[in-house]
Amino acid sequence: MSGTWTDDSDHDEAVRQAERAERFAWRAIGGVSALLVLVAVAVAVALLVAGVALAYALTVVTD
């Protein structure tokens, strides 16, 4: 081995870019997951309201 210095700056920059991309990807996954949870909660509330309205309508019609 000749003892020459190897320049790793390109590798280090690639590693930093990959880490930034990974952080962005995890934030995107978290954001989409949160949005899906909000949609699921909204659908559940809508179904609950529809069920209560239907039950009320059936009691009014039968009286």
Protein backbone atom coordinates (compact mmCIF):
# COMPACT_ATOMS: atom_id res chain seq x y z
CA MET A 1 0.00 0.00 0.00
CA SER A 2 1.42 3.35 -0.97
CA GLY A 3 -0.04 5.28 1.95
CA THR A 4 -1.92 7.75 -0.24
CA TRP A 5 -4.93 9.55 1.15
CA THR A 6 -8.26 8.67 -0.40
CA ASP A 7 -10.86 11.40 -0.67
CA ASP A 8 -14.14 10.17 0.80
CA SER A 9 -16.01 13.46 0.42
CA ASP A 10 -18.18 12.14 -2.42
CA HIS A 11 -19.13 9.12 -0.34
CA ASP A 12 -19.84 11.25 2.72
CA GLU A 13 -22.06 13.58 0.68
CA ALA A 14 -23.94 10.59 -0.78
CA VAL A 15 -24.51 9.25 2.74
CA ARG A 16 -25.83 12.65 3.90
CA GLN A 17 -28.18 12.84 0.90
CA ALA A 18 -29.43 9.31 1.57
CA GLU A 19 -30.07 10.18 5.23
CA ARG A 20 -32.01 13.31 4.23
CA ALA A 21 -34.05 11.28 1.74
CA GLU A 22 -34.79 8.68 4.40
CA ARG A 23 -35.92 11.33 6.91
CA PHE A 24 -38.19 12.87 4.25
CA ALA A 25 -39.62 9.46 3.39
CA TRP A 26 -40.41 8.68 7.04
CA ARG A 27 -42.08 12.08 7.44
CA ALA A 28 -44.15 11.43 4.30
CA ILE A 29 -45.15 7.99 5.59
CA GLY A 30 -46.13 9.53 8.92
CA GLY A 31 -48.16 12.25 7.24
CA VAL A 32 -50.03 9.83 5.00
CA SER A 33 -50.68 7.52 7.95
CA ALA A 34 -52.08 10.40 10.01
CA LEU A 35 -54.29 11.42 7.10
CA LEU A 36 -55.60 7.87 6.76
CA VAL A 37 -56.38 7.75 10.49
CA LEU A 38 -58.29 11.03 10.22
CA VAL A 39 -60.27 9.71 7.26
CA ALA A 40 -61.05 6.49 9.14
CA VAL A 41 -62.25 8.46 12.17
CA ALA A 42 -64.40 10.70 9.95
CA VAL A 43 -65.97 7.66 8.28
CA ALA A 44 -66.63 6.03 11.65
CA VAL A 45 -68.30 9.20 12.95
CA ALA A 46 -70.38 9.50 9.77
CA LEU A 47 -71.52 5.88 10.10
CA LEU A 48 -72.39 6.42 13.75
CA VAL A 49 -74.42 9.54 12.93
CA ALA A 50 -76.16 7.71 10.08
CA GLY A 51 -76.98 4.80 12.40
CA VAL A 52 -78.40 7.10 15.06
CA ALA A 53 -80.43 8.99 12.44
CA LEU A 54 -81.77 5.72 11.05
CA ALA A 55 -82.70 4.46 14.51
CA TYR A 56 -84.45 7.74 15.26
CA ALA A 57 -86.28 7.65 11.93
CA LEU A 58 -87.45 4.10 12.57
CA THR A 59 -88.79 5.02 16.02
CA VAL A 60 -90.64 8.03 14.61
CA VAL A 61 -92.17 6.02 11.76
CA THR A 62 -93.34 3.20 14.03
CA ASP A 63 -95.00 5.57 16.51
